[in-house]
Amino acid sequence: MATKLLDISFWQDTLDFAKIKSAGYDNIILRAGYGTTIDSKFNEYAAACKKNNINIVAVYWFIYATNLTEVKANANKCLEVIKTYKPKIVFADFEYDTVDKAAKKGVKLGTKECDSFTIEFCETVKKAGYTPGYYANTDYYNNMYSSKVKDKGYVFWLAHYKSDYSYHEPPIKCDFFQYTDRGTVPGLTGKTFDTNVCFSEKYLFKTSSTSTNKPTTKPTTSSITIDQAIDALIATARAEVGYLEKKSNSQLDDKTANAGYNNYTKYWRDVYPQYQAQAWCAAFVSWCMMKTFGLETAKKLLKHWPYVYCPTLGSLFTKYANPQRGDIVIFYRNGTFAHTGLVTKVEGDKFYTIEGNTSGGSSIVPNGGGVYAKSYYNSNLPGTKFCRPDYSIVKSILTSNASSTPSPAPVQPSYTAWVGSCTTDGTDVFSDATGASKLSTYPKLNAGNLVDIIGESGTRYQVRIAAKYVGYVEKSNIKNPAATTTKKYPFVGKVTANKLNVRKKAGTEHPLLPEYPQLNKDNLINVLGVTKDTKGDRWYKVSITKKEYIGYVSAKYITKA
């Protein structure tokens, strides 16, 4: 299994740890300090973690040293800082800034020092009773660390980001995996976080819930077990995969006939006909419960009837951070719980669903128009929660549903959703793939309009507009936004180094910009262009703040925001 956790430092500034806790983060990693200096927020953060029952599972310490004596001093300062809170793991952090800072003192650090400094730090904290570990990105792991460190058995924390900063499987086996620096926590507007997963429970004090593939089997008051109840529910849901909503109140029982995006379904007809033509993802869950267990048991399992609104369900159940098979997932999107479905399987951090009113796109797609089987990485869905019905109350399963098997259906293959840009003013948006009629709610797009591409059919893309309206657009009128312009500069850049010097001209020999000599990690700046210094190294020309201070920074510490 994998458990999500944040690592934070003073760069996050003021934080509401109650909201971090409520978002499902029971474990956390704190930066304790760097060199021989305590992180200015460490004691505040550590106390807040204790108050909110968040476990400080680990700390990390940024090594600033030019020799082993200084490394020892770094480690001893770390031990002094953390003695009150006693985390389980202490990570040594040797990276680009370690090398750069030493270089400014005329000391060149390479693989030999990377190994010896890390071992010295780790062995010092180990003697003090802590579990030692080391942090590295793929570059340093492959090119700076040797087997001298790798074979020591230290806890390994890997950093590796995809271009879209989404969760992905780590390219190197590791114990902790930092997969993005752009994680968010519901309710903490404007804050981004380094977000991680831990792959072994032995390093955690506790988690908010377990993530086994199935809940523990126990008999109900009859011969039906929890597993049997969940199996029957999933069979009911799976048999519906491929069902498409209808454009009118006819042919509701046919999976694909009369398809259209007007929210007419058999699910509302059978569950609560007064709501026909409304969004129906929750109605699908209600319908599956009712068809499998009967109306009265469905009401008890859902704690109300009908289930129509995710926040209502969320208020009635304990909301778990990690899924189990048979859970009702309530997806967090755009600041609220906005979509739902049934969890059918859990494999570590990955979970599988069957959802109504979605599409085959890989992202969370409310109002997508059909019943689809999907999968997600839980670590990539901050705020998403899982509600757990009490299946032990199930005393019987309706025979027709207990024996149901998945039926083949013309389902759109899984489609990796992406963002497209309209290239032409007055582009028609059609209600279906045939192009027979215009989408009444959004009949046209103009050049530059961005849409989610969630599928394709023949010469047309299936698109979602304004996160709500679904229609079809000719492929020739949609391009990747990056392909619609050849303009490389300016762009908004983000600082990746903890401290980044801003100089008057390109090159380390030039003085610092007096008005703005340094940038901090995650600072956003306007990148105006690029040049090279006398050594051939790339430097970005940047403007800083509204006063437009112009300076130069090393390009290797800037990424596109």
Protein backbone atom coordinates (compact mmCIF):
# COMPACT_ATOMS: atom_id res chain seq x y z
CA MET A 1 0.00 0.00 0.00
CA ALA A 2 1.02 3.60 -0.25
CA THR A 3 0.20 6.45 2.09
CA LYS A 4 0.23 10.12 1.16
CA LEU A 5 2.17 12.64 3.18
CA LEU A 6 3.46 16.20 2.79
CA ASP A 7 6.92 17.56 3.44
CA ILE A 8 6.98 21.21 4.44
CA SER A 9 9.37 23.96 5.46
CA PHE A 10 9.21 27.66 6.22
CA TRP A 11 8.59 28.32 2.52
CA GLN A 12 4.91 27.42 3.15
CA ASP A 13 4.75 30.19 5.77
CA THR A 14 1.52 30.28 7.82
CA LEU A 15 -0.44 27.00 7.71
CA ASP A 16 -3.70 25.67 9.13
CA PHE A 17 -2.76 22.20 10.36
CA ALA A 18 -6.35 21.36 11.25
CA LYS A 19 -7.16 21.57 7.54
CA ILE A 20 -4.11 19.45 6.71
CA LYS A 21 -5.35 16.84 9.18
CA SER A 22 -8.91 16.94 7.83
CA ALA A 23 -7.53 16.40 4.31
CA GLY A 24 -6.31 12.99 5.46
CA TYR A 25 -2.65 13.70 6.20
CA ASP A 26 -1.90 11.81 9.41
CA ASN A 27 1.86 11.73 8.77
CA ILE A 28 4.18 14.56 7.78
CA ILE A 29 7.83 15.33 7.05
CA LEU A 30 9.29 18.60 8.33
CA ARG A 31 12.47 20.39 7.37
CA ALA A 32 14.32 20.79 10.66
CA GLY A 33 17.04 23.05 9.32
CA TYR A 34 20.12 23.55 7.17
CA GLY A 35 23.83 23.86 7.92
CA THR A 36 23.81 24.79 11.60
CA THR A 37 20.59 26.83 11.39
CA ILE A 38 17.13 25.70 12.51
CA ASP A 39 14.27 26.12 10.06
CA SER A 40 12.48 29.24 11.29
CA LYS A 41 9.09 27.48 11.24
CA PHE A 42 10.15 24.11 12.63
CA ASN A 43 9.10 24.54 16.25
CA GLU A 44 5.83 26.22 15.24
CA TYR A 45 5.03 23.49 12.72
CA ALA A 46 6.06 20.68 15.07
CA ALA A 47 3.88 22.02 17.89
CA ALA A 48 0.93 22.39 15.51
CA CYS A 49 1.40 18.79 14.34
CA LYS A 50 1.32 17.58 17.94
CA LYS A 51 -1.79 19.64 18.69
CA ASN A 52 -3.62 18.21 15.65
CA ASN A 53 -2.45 14.61 16.17
CA ILE A 54 -0.29 14.59 13.03
CA ASN A 55 2.72 12.33 13.30
CA ILE A 56 6.12 13.82 12.47
CA VAL A 57 7.29 10.64 10.81
CA ALA A 58 10.53 12.21 9.59
CA VAL A 59 12.61 15.37 9.37
CA TYR A 60 15.23 16.35 6.84
CA TRP A 61 18.32 18.45 7.24
CA PHE A 62 19.99 20.32 4.39
CA ILE A 63 23.77 19.71 4.48
CA TYR A 64 25.85 22.87 4.11
CA ALA A 65 29.44 21.78 4.64
CA THR A 66 32.86 21.67 3.02
CA ASN A 67 34.38 18.87 5.14
CA LEU A 68 33.41 16.03 7.48
CA THR A 69 33.88 18.15 10.60
CA GLU A 70 31.26 20.58 9.36
CA VAL A 71 28.97 17.66 8.42
CA LYS A 72 29.26 16.39 11.99
CA ALA A 73 28.31 19.85 13.24
CA ASN A 74 25.29 19.83 10.89
CA ALA A 75 24.15 16.48 12.28
CA ASN A 76 24.64 17.48 15.92
CA LYS A 77 22.67 20.68 15.38
CA CYS A 78 19.90 18.61 13.84
CA LEU A 79 19.85 16.29 16.85
CA GLU A 80 19.64 19.28 19.17
CA VAL A 81 16.71 20.78 17.24
CA ILE A 82 14.59 17.60 17.04
CA LYS A 83 15.16 16.14 20.52
CA THR A 84 11.80 17.37 21.84
CA TYR A 85 9.75 15.79 19.05
CA LYS A 86 11.72 12.61 18.28
CA PRO A 87 10.70 11.76 14.71
CA LYS A 88 11.18 8.23 13.49
CA ILE A 89 13.48 9.01 10.53
CA VAL A 90 16.13 11.68 9.93
CA PHE A 91 17.01 12.32 6.27
CA ALA A 92 20.29 13.75 5.04
CA ASP A 93 19.68 16.19 2.18
CA PHE A 94 22.73 16.63 -0.07
CA GLU A 95 21.85 18.31 -3.36
CA TYR A 96 22.64 21.10 -5.82
CA ASP A 97 22.73 23.89 -3.25
CA THR A 98 25.17 21.89 -1.13
CA VAL A 99 27.59 21.81 -4.04
CA ASP A 100 26.98 25.42 -5.06
CA LYS A 101 27.46 26.78 -1.55
CA ALA A 102 30.74 24.92 -1.16
CA ALA A 103 31.90 26.15 -4.57
CA LYS A 104 31.44 29.73 -3.41
CA LYS A 105 33.97 28.93 -0.68
CA GLY A 106 36.36 27.50 -3.23
CA VAL A 107 35.64 23.84 -2.41
CA LYS A 108 34.59 21.42 -5.14
CA LEU A 109 32.29 18.60 -4.02
CA GLY A 110 31.80 15.46 -6.09
CA THR A 111 30.75 11.84 -5.73
CA LYS A 112 33.36 11.15 -3.05
CA GLU A 113 32.05 13.94 -0.84
CA CYS A 114 28.42 13.13 -1.60
CA ASP A 115 29.02 9.62 -0.26
CA SER A 116 31.20 10.53 2.72
CA PHE A 117 29.06 13.50 3.83
CA THR A 118 25.86 11.46 3.68
CA ILE A 119 27.38 8.50 5.55
CA GLU A 120 28.84 10.77 8.24
CA PHE A 121 25.48 12.46 8.77
CA CYS A 122 23.48 9.23 8.75
CA GLU A 123 25.80 7.38 11.11
CA THR A 124 25.76 10.29 13.55
CA VAL A 125 21.96 10.33 13.80
CA LYS A 126 21.89 6.54 13.87
CA LYS A 127 24.10 6.51 16.99
CA ALA A 128 21.59 8.87 18.58
CA GLY A 129 18.81 6.30 18.10
CA TYR A 130 17.14 7.57 14.93
CA THR A 131 16.55 5.71 11.66
CA PRO A 132 18.85 7.32 9.06
CA GLY A 133 17.81 8.10 5.51
CA TYR A 134 18.90 10.13 2.51
CA TYR A 135 17.09 12.24 -0.08
CA ALA A 136 18.04 12.40 -3.75
CA ASN A 137 16.56 13.18 -7.12
CA THR A 138 17.21 10.79 -10.01
CA ASP A 139 20.18 12.86 -11.21
CA TYR A 140 22.05 12.69 -7.91
CA TYR A 141 21.07 9.08 -7.26
CA ASN A 142 22.44 7.97 -10.62
CA ASN A 143 25.44 10.30 -10.92
CA MET A 144 26.57 11.35 -7.43
CA TYR A 145 25.77 8.52 -5.04
CA SER A 146 27.72 5.27 -5.25
CA SER A 147 27.10 1.83 -3.80
CA LYS A 148 28.89 3.00 -0.63
CA VAL A 149 25.66 4.76 0.33
CA LYS A 150 23.15 2.69 -1.64
CA ASP A 151 24.23 -0.54 0.02
CA LYS A 152 24.07 0.85 3.56
CA GLY A 153 20.38 0.08 3.97
CA TYR A 154 19.44 3.66 4.77
CA VAL A 155 15.84 4.69 4.12
CA PHE A 156 15.74 6.12 0.60
CA TRP A 157 13.61 9.13 -0.34
CA LEU A 158 13.44 9.75 -4.10
CA ALA A 159 12.36 12.96 -5.86
CA HIS A 160 11.18 12.71 -9.46
CA TYR A 161 8.56 14.85 -11.24
CA LYS A 162 6.64 14.36 -14.47
CA SER A 163 6.20 17.33 -16.79
CA ASP A 164 2.54 17.63 -15.71
CA TYR A 165 3.46 17.10 -12.02
CA SER A 166 0.97 14.23 -11.68
CA TYR A 167 1.49 11.03 -9.74
CA HIS A 168 3.48 8.30 -11.50
CA GLU A 169 5.34 5.18 -10.55
CA PRO A 170 8.86 5.94 -9.25
CA PRO A 171 11.61 5.18 -11.79
CA ILE A 172 13.86 3.87 -8.99
CA LYS A 173 12.87 1.62 -6.09
CA CYS A 174 12.47 3.76 -2.99
CA ASP A 175 10.82 3.90 0.43
CA PHE A 176 9.45 7.43 0.12
CA PHE A 177 8.62 9.08 -3.20
CA GLN A 178 8.29 12.84 -3.74
CA TYR A 179 6.38 13.05 -7.01
CA THR A 180 5.38 16.72 -7.19
CA ASP A 181 5.99 20.12 -5.63
CA ARG A 182 2.57 21.36 -6.68
CA GLY A 183 0.32 19.43 -4.34
CA THR A 184 -2.61 21.26 -2.79
CA VAL A 185 -4.67 20.93 0.38
CA PRO A 186 -8.39 21.81 0.37
CA GLY A 187 -8.97 25.09 2.14
CA LEU A 188 -5.37 26.31 1.92
CA THR A 189 -5.75 28.65 -1.03
CA GLY A 190 -2.56 29.73 -2.75
CA LYS A 191 -0.40 27.11 -1.02
CA THR A 192 1.48 24.38 -2.84
CA PHE A 193 3.26 21.46 -1.22
CA ASP A 194 5.88 18.85 -1.90
CA THR A 195 3.69 15.75 -1.91
CA ASN A 196 4.93 12.23 -1.30
CA VAL A 197 3.89 8.65 -0.83
CA CYS A 198 5.39 6.14 1.59
CA PHE A 199 5.38 2.56 0.37
CA SER A 200 5.88 0.82 3.70
CA GLU A 201 3.76 1.06 6.82
CA LYS A 202 6.73 0.16 9.00
CA TYR A 203 8.00 3.72 8.65
CA LEU A 204 4.70 5.30 9.74
CA PHE A 205 3.33 5.61 13.21
CA LYS A 206 -0.25 5.18 11.97
CA THR A 207 -2.48 6.00 9.03
CA SER A 208 -5.98 7.36 8.76
CA SER A 209 -7.25 4.04 7.46
CA THR A 210 -6.03 0.80 6.00
CA SER A 211 -5.98 0.16 2.29
CA THR A 212 -6.44 -3.55 1.81
CA ASN A 213 -8.06 -4.83 -1.32
CA LYS A 214 -11.00 -6.09 0.64
CA PRO A 215 -12.40 -5.32 4.07
CA THR A 216 -12.17 -8.08 6.59
CA THR A 217 -14.74 -10.74 5.86
CA LYS A 218 -17.24 -11.36 8.59
CA PRO A 219 -20.67 -12.93 8.45
CA THR A 220 -23.78 -10.79 8.68
CA THR A 221 -26.82 -11.81 10.66
CA SER A 222 -27.63 -14.18 7.81
CA SER A 223 -25.46 -16.32 5.58
CA ILE A 224 -24.38 -13.25 3.49
CA THR A 225 -20.83 -12.07 4.14
CA ILE A 226 -19.52 -8.57 3.57
CA ASP A 227 -17.44 -9.78 0.65
CA GLN A 228 -20.47 -11.43 -0.95
CA ALA A 229 -22.52 -8.25 -0.56
CA ILE A 230 -19.78 -6.15 -2.15
CA ASP A 231 -19.26 -8.69 -4.95
CA ALA A 232 -22.97 -8.56 -5.80
CA LEU A 233 -23.02 -4.76 -5.78
CA ILE A 234 -20.03 -4.55 -8.10
CA ALA A 235 -21.61 -7.14 -10.43
CA THR A 236 -24.70 -4.95 -10.67
CA ALA A 237 -22.61 -1.88 -11.45
CA ARG A 238 -20.36 -3.66 -13.94
CA ALA A 239 -23.34 -4.93 -15.91
CA GLU A 240 -24.26 -1.26 -16.52
CA VAL A 241 -20.92 -0.28 -18.06
CA GLY A 242 -21.57 1.15 -21.50
CA TYR A 243 -24.95 2.67 -20.67
CA LEU A 244 -25.35 6.11 -22.32
CA GLU A 245 -27.69 8.82 -21.07
CA LYS A 246 -30.56 9.82 -23.33
CA LYS A 247 -31.50 13.01 -25.10
CA SER A 248 -35.20 12.49 -24.24
CA ASN A 249 -37.41 10.44 -21.95
CA SER A 250 -37.59 7.40 -24.22
CA GLN A 251 -35.74 4.11 -24.74
CA LEU A 252 -34.33 4.49 -21.25
CA ASP A 253 -33.64 0.78 -20.84
CA ASP A 254 -31.54 0.43 -23.99
CA LYS A 255 -27.85 0.91 -23.34
CA THR A 256 -27.05 3.00 -26.39
CA ALA A 257 -30.28 3.99 -28.16
CA ASN A 258 -31.46 7.62 -28.13
CA ALA A 259 -28.10 8.75 -26.72
CA GLY A 260 -27.69 12.45 -26.00
CA TYR A 261 -26.48 14.78 -23.27
CA ASN A 262 -29.76 15.73 -21.59
CA ASN A 263 -29.44 13.56 -18.46
CA TYR A 264 -32.40 11.25 -19.09
CA THR A 265 -31.67 7.82 -17.57
CA LYS A 266 -33.38 4.72 -16.22
CA TYR A 267 -31.62 5.39 -12.94
CA TRP A 268 -33.62 8.49 -12.08
CA ARG A 269 -36.78 6.86 -13.45
CA ASP A 270 -36.39 3.96 -11.01
CA VAL A 271 -34.90 5.82 -8.05
CA TYR A 272 -36.57 9.24 -7.97
CA PRO A 273 -38.40 10.22 -11.17
CA GLN A 274 -38.95 13.80 -9.97
CA TYR A 275 -35.23 14.39 -10.61
CA GLN A 276 -35.22 13.08 -14.18
CA ALA A 277 -32.93 15.12 -16.48
CA GLN A 278 -30.65 16.11 -13.56
CA ALA A 279 -27.02 15.10 -13.05
CA TRP A 280 -27.08 11.41 -12.21
CA CYS A 281 -23.73 10.09 -10.88
CA ALA A 282 -25.18 9.72 -7.37
CA ALA A 283 -28.43 8.32 -8.74
CA PHE A 284 -26.40 5.55 -10.35
CA VAL A 285 -24.93 4.59 -6.95
CA SER A 286 -28.42 4.64 -5.40
CA TRP A 287 -29.80 2.51 -8.24
CA CYS A 288 -27.04 -0.11 -7.89
CA MET A 289 -27.70 -0.35 -4.15
CA MET A 290 -31.46 -0.69 -4.66
CA LYS A 291 -31.17 -3.28 -7.48
CA THR A 292 -28.74 -5.40 -5.48
CA PHE A 293 -30.18 -5.25 -1.95
CA GLY A 294 -33.71 -3.83 -2.25
CA LEU A 295 -34.97 -0.35 -1.43
CA GLU A 296 -35.11 -0.59 2.37
CA THR A 297 -31.59 -1.95 2.72
CA ALA A 298 -30.31 0.61 0.21
CA LYS A 299 -31.76 3.39 2.35
CA LYS A 300 -29.94 2.04 5.41
CA LEU A 301 -26.65 1.59 3.57
CA LEU A 302 -26.75 5.17 2.25
CA LYS A 303 -28.19 6.61 5.51
CA HIS A 304 -30.70 8.65 3.42
CA TRP A 305 -32.68 8.40 0.20
CA PRO A 306 -32.02 9.08 -2.50
CA TYR A 307 -28.34 9.84 -2.69
CA VAL A 308 -28.27 12.91 -4.96
CA TYR A 309 -25.57 15.21 -3.59
CA CYS A 310 -21.97 14.31 -2.66
CA PRO A 311 -21.57 16.80 0.22
CA THR A 312 -24.71 15.40 1.88
CA LEU A 313 -23.34 11.86 1.78
CA GLY A 314 -19.99 13.10 3.03
CA SER A 315 -21.63 14.71 6.05
CA LEU A 316 -23.30 11.42 7.03
CA PHE A 317 -20.26 9.14 6.81
CA THR A 318 -16.76 9.01 8.22
CA LYS A 319 -14.65 10.22 5.30
CA TYR A 320 -11.58 8.04 4.85
CA ALA A 321 -8.43 9.18 3.06
CA ASN A 322 -7.61 5.76 1.63
CA PRO A 323 -10.02 3.50 -0.28
CA GLN A 324 -11.35 0.01 0.30
CA ARG A 325 -13.25 -2.18 -2.14
CA GLY A 326 -16.96 -1.39 -1.88
CA ASP A 327 -16.44 2.25 -0.78
CA ILE A 328 -18.37 5.14 -2.29
CA VAL A 329 -15.80 7.61 -3.59
CA ILE A 330 -16.64 11.32 -3.46
CA PHE A 331 -14.25 13.18 -5.73
CA TYR A 332 -13.00 16.60 -4.66
CA ARG A 333 -12.98 19.00 -7.57
CA ASN A 334 -12.92 22.80 -7.87
CA GLY A 335 -13.31 23.33 -4.14
CA THR A 336 -16.14 20.87 -3.42
CA PHE A 337 -17.20 17.23 -3.61
CA ALA A 338 -18.55 17.13 -7.14
CA HIS A 339 -18.68 13.55 -8.44
CA THR A 340 -19.10 10.01 -7.14
CA GLY A 341 -18.85 6.32 -7.95
CA LEU A 342 -18.17 2.85 -6.50
CA VAL A 343 -14.69 1.51 -5.69
CA THR A 344 -14.25 -1.95 -7.25
CA LYS A 345 -10.60 -2.74 -6.54
CA VAL A 346 -7.55 -1.32 -4.73
CA GLU A 347 -3.94 -1.98 -5.71
CA GLY A 348 -1.64 0.03 -3.49
CA ASP A 349 -2.08 3.69 -4.38
CA LYS A 350 -4.19 2.83 -7.44
CA PHE A 351 -7.93 2.28 -7.14
CA TYR A 352 -10.58 1.26 -9.68
CA THR A 353 -14.15 2.52 -10.00
CA ILE A 354 -17.39 2.21 -11.86
CA GLU A 355 -19.07 5.60 -12.24
CA GLY A 356 -22.23 6.95 -13.76
CA ASN A 357 -22.43 10.22 -15.69
CA THR A 358 -18.75 10.24 -16.65
CA SER A 359 -16.63 9.51 -19.72
CA GLY A 360 -13.72 7.30 -20.62
CA GLY A 361 -11.27 10.14 -19.95
CA SER A 362 -8.58 9.49 -17.36
CA SER A 363 -9.43 12.53 -15.22
CA ILE A 364 -12.41 13.17 -12.94
CA VAL A 365 -15.23 13.78 -15.43
CA PRO A 366 -18.62 14.74 -13.98
CA ASN A 367 -21.47 15.06 -16.47
CA GLY A 368 -19.69 12.85 -19.01
CA GLY A 369 -22.78 11.05 -20.28
CA GLY A 370 -22.22 7.35 -19.61
CA VAL A 371 -21.31 4.52 -17.23
CA TYR A 372 -17.59 3.73 -17.36
CA ALA A 373 -15.01 1.67 -15.50
CA LYS A 374 -12.03 3.87 -14.55
CA SER A 375 -8.92 3.99 -12.39
CA TYR A 376 -6.95 6.66 -10.52
CA TYR A 377 -3.94 7.16 -8.29
CA ASN A 378 -5.18 8.26 -4.89
CA SER A 379 -2.05 10.34 -4.30
CA ASN A 380 -2.97 12.44 -7.31
CA LEU A 381 -6.40 13.36 -5.92
CA PRO A 382 -5.97 15.68 -2.93
CA GLY A 383 -9.23 16.16 -1.07
CA THR A 384 -10.97 13.11 -2.51
CA LYS A 385 -12.54 10.94 0.22
CA PHE A 386 -14.11 7.52 0.62
CA CYS A 387 -17.37 6.72 2.43
CA ARG A 388 -17.80 3.17 3.77
CA PRO A 389 -21.34 1.68 3.94
CA ASP A 390 -21.94 -0.91 6.65
CA TYR A 391 -22.39 -4.00 4.49
CA SER A 392 -22.75 -6.15 7.60
CA ILE A 393 -26.46 -5.15 7.67
CA VAL A 394 -27.12 -6.90 4.34
CA LYS A 395 -29.30 -9.97 4.99
CA SER A 396 -30.12 -10.93 1.42
CA ILE A 397 -29.18 -10.27 -2.18
CA LEU A 398 -31.78 -10.06 -4.91
CA THR A 399 -31.40 -13.22 -6.97
CA SER A 400 -31.52 -11.49 -10.33
CA ASN A 401 -28.63 -9.28 -9.41
CA ALA A 402 -26.61 -11.79 -7.47
CA SER A 403 -26.28 -13.90 -10.56
CA SER A 404 -25.80 -11.05 -13.02
CA THR A 405 -22.65 -11.04 -15.12
CA PRO A 406 -21.07 -8.26 -17.08
CA SER A 407 -22.54 -7.95 -20.53
CA PRO A 408 -20.53 -6.74 -23.49
CA ALA A 409 -21.15 -3.13 -24.37
CA PRO A 410 -19.89 -0.70 -26.96
CA VAL A 411 -17.70 1.26 -24.57
CA GLN A 412 -15.33 3.96 -25.75
CA PRO A 413 -11.75 2.79 -25.07
CA SER A 414 -10.00 4.49 -22.19
CA TYR A 415 -8.96 7.92 -23.40
CA THR A 416 -6.21 10.06 -21.92
CA ALA A 417 -7.81 13.46 -21.53
CA TRP A 418 -5.86 16.57 -22.52
CA VAL A 419 -6.40 20.31 -22.88
CA GLY A 420 -7.06 21.61 -26.38
CA SER A 421 -7.24 25.13 -27.79
CA CYS A 422 -9.79 26.22 -30.37
CA THR A 423 -8.11 27.73 -33.45
CA THR A 424 -11.06 29.32 -35.27
CA ASP A 425 -13.74 31.84 -34.32
CA GLY A 426 -17.29 30.53 -34.59
CA THR A 427 -16.35 26.83 -34.37
CA ASP A 428 -19.49 24.69 -34.17
CA VAL A 429 -20.06 22.47 -31.13
CA PHE A 430 -22.36 19.53 -31.87
CA SER A 431 -24.57 17.63 -29.45
CA ASP A 432 -23.34 14.23 -30.67
CA ALA A 433 -20.65 12.73 -32.87
CA THR A 434 -22.87 12.72 -35.97
CA GLY A 435 -22.97 16.51 -36.13
CA ALA A 436 -26.71 16.45 -36.72
CA SER A 437 -27.45 19.25 -34.27
CA LYS A 438 -25.71 22.01 -32.33
CA LEU A 439 -25.15 21.84 -28.61
CA SER A 440 -27.88 24.12 -27.28
CA THR A 441 -26.01 25.11 -24.11
CA TYR A 442 -22.76 25.98 -25.90
CA PRO A 443 -23.19 26.00 -29.70
CA LYS A 444 -19.92 27.75 -30.66
CA LEU A 445 -16.31 28.26 -29.63
CA ASN A 446 -13.92 31.04 -30.54
CA ALA A 447 -10.19 31.04 -31.24
CA GLY A 448 -8.18 30.61 -28.04
CA ASN A 449 -10.97 28.96 -26.04
CA LEU A 450 -9.60 26.07 -23.98
CA VAL A 451 -11.55 22.82 -23.65
CA ASP A 452 -10.96 19.38 -22.13
CA ILE A 453 -10.58 16.72 -24.82
CA ILE A 454 -12.20 13.64 -23.26
CA GLY A 455 -12.69 11.35 -26.26
CA GLU A 456 -12.87 11.12 -30.03
CA SER A 457 -15.16 9.71 -32.69
CA GLY A 458 -14.22 9.80 -36.37
CA THR A 459 -13.28 13.34 -37.39
CA ARG A 460 -14.50 14.90 -34.13
CA TYR A 461 -13.20 15.26 -30.60
CA GLN A 462 -15.51 14.85 -27.63
CA VAL A 463 -14.96 17.98 -25.55
CA ARG A 464 -15.99 19.31 -22.17
CA ILE A 465 -16.48 23.07 -22.04
CA ALA A 466 -16.31 25.21 -18.91
CA ALA A 467 -16.02 22.02 -16.84
CA LYS A 468 -19.69 21.34 -17.53
CA TYR A 469 -20.95 21.12 -21.11
CA VAL A 470 -20.09 18.11 -23.28
CA GLY A 471 -20.19 18.15 -27.06
CA TYR A 472 -18.25 17.35 -30.24
CA VAL A 473 -15.91 19.55 -32.31
CA GLU A 474 -14.09 18.95 -35.59
CA LYS A 475 -10.52 17.82 -34.89
CA SER A 476 -9.16 20.31 -37.42
CA ASN A 477 -10.35 23.16 -35.18
CA ILE A 478 -8.55 21.95 -32.05
CA LYS A 479 -4.82 22.09 -31.37
CA ASN A 480 -2.55 21.55 -28.42
CA PRO A 481 -2.21 25.06 -26.85
CA ALA A 482 1.57 24.75 -27.03
CA ALA A 483 1.29 24.26 -30.78
CA THR A 484 -0.75 27.42 -31.35
CA THR A 485 2.16 29.75 -30.68
CA THR A 486 5.86 29.77 -31.44
CA LYS A 487 6.55 32.49 -28.90
CA LYS A 488 9.03 31.16 -26.35
CA TYR A 489 9.41 34.24 -24.18
CA PRO A 490 8.21 35.68 -21.94
CA PHE A 491 6.98 32.91 -19.68
CA VAL A 492 6.34 32.59 -15.96
CA GLY A 493 9.16 30.77 -14.22
CA LYS A 494 9.33 29.11 -10.82
CA VAL A 495 12.44 28.97 -8.62
CA THR A 496 13.53 25.42 -7.72
CA ALA A 497 16.53 26.26 -5.51
CA ASN A 498 16.11 27.15 -1.83
CA LYS A 499 18.02 30.39 -2.46
CA LEU A 500 18.78 31.81 -5.90
CA ASN A 501 21.08 34.77 -6.48
CA VAL A 502 19.93 37.53 -8.82
CA ARG A 503 22.81 39.28 -10.58
CA LYS A 504 23.16 42.48 -12.61
CA LYS A 505 24.54 40.54 -15.58
CA ALA A 506 24.84 36.94 -16.69
CA GLY A 507 27.62 35.19 -14.77
CA THR A 508 28.67 34.49 -11.18
CA GLU A 509 31.42 37.11 -11.44
CA HIS A 510 28.88 39.93 -11.59
CA PRO A 511 27.49 41.62 -8.47
CA LEU A 512 24.08 40.86 -7.02
CA LEU A 513 21.13 43.02 -8.00
CA PRO A 514 20.99 45.49 -5.07
CA GLU A 515 17.21 46.00 -5.20
CA TYR A 516 16.47 42.24 -5.18
CA PRO A 517 19.61 40.15 -4.51
CA GLN A 518 17.92 36.78 -3.88
CA LEU A 519 14.86 34.74 -4.76
CA ASN A 520 13.41 31.96 -2.64
CA LYS A 521 12.15 28.54 -3.61
CA ASP A 522 8.77 28.60 -5.43
CA ASN A 523 8.99 32.34 -6.14
CA LEU A 524 7.34 33.19 -9.48
CA ILE A 525 9.06 35.53 -11.92
CA ASN A 526 8.71 36.65 -15.52
CA VAL A 527 11.40 35.13 -17.75
CA LEU A 528 12.13 37.62 -20.54
CA GLY A 529 14.85 35.81 -22.45
CA VAL A 530 17.99 33.71 -22.27
CA THR A 531 21.71 34.36 -22.70
CA LYS A 532 25.01 32.63 -21.97
CA ASP A 533 27.87 33.71 -19.74
CA THR A 534 31.57 33.54 -20.66
CA LYS A 535 31.65 29.88 -19.59
CA GLY A 536 28.78 28.95 -21.86
CA ASP A 537 26.26 28.47 -19.01
CA ARG A 538 22.65 29.56 -19.66
CA TRP A 539 21.15 32.48 -17.72
CA TYR A 540 17.62 33.84 -17.80
CA LYS A 541 16.87 37.53 -17.95
CA VAL A 542 14.03 38.06 -15.46
CA SER A 543 11.73 40.74 -14.14
CA ILE A 544 10.79 40.66 -10.46
CA THR A 545 7.72 42.11 -8.73
CA LYS A 546 5.47 44.83 -10.00
CA LYS A 547 8.38 47.30 -9.88
CA GLU A 548 9.99 45.32 -12.68
CA TYR A 549 13.45 44.87 -11.25
CA ILE A 550 15.53 43.38 -14.07
CA GLY A 551 18.27 40.88 -13.33
CA TYR A 552 19.83 37.56 -14.35
CA VAL A 553 19.53 34.11 -12.72
CA SER A 554 21.03 30.72 -13.51
CA ALA A 555 18.64 28.95 -15.90
CA LYS A 556 19.16 25.54 -14.28
CA TYR A 557 17.23 26.65 -11.19
CA ILE A 558 14.13 27.85 -13.08
CA THR A 559 11.29 25.72 -14.36
CA LYS A 560 8.10 26.77 -16.13
CA ALA A 561 5.31 27.43 -13.65
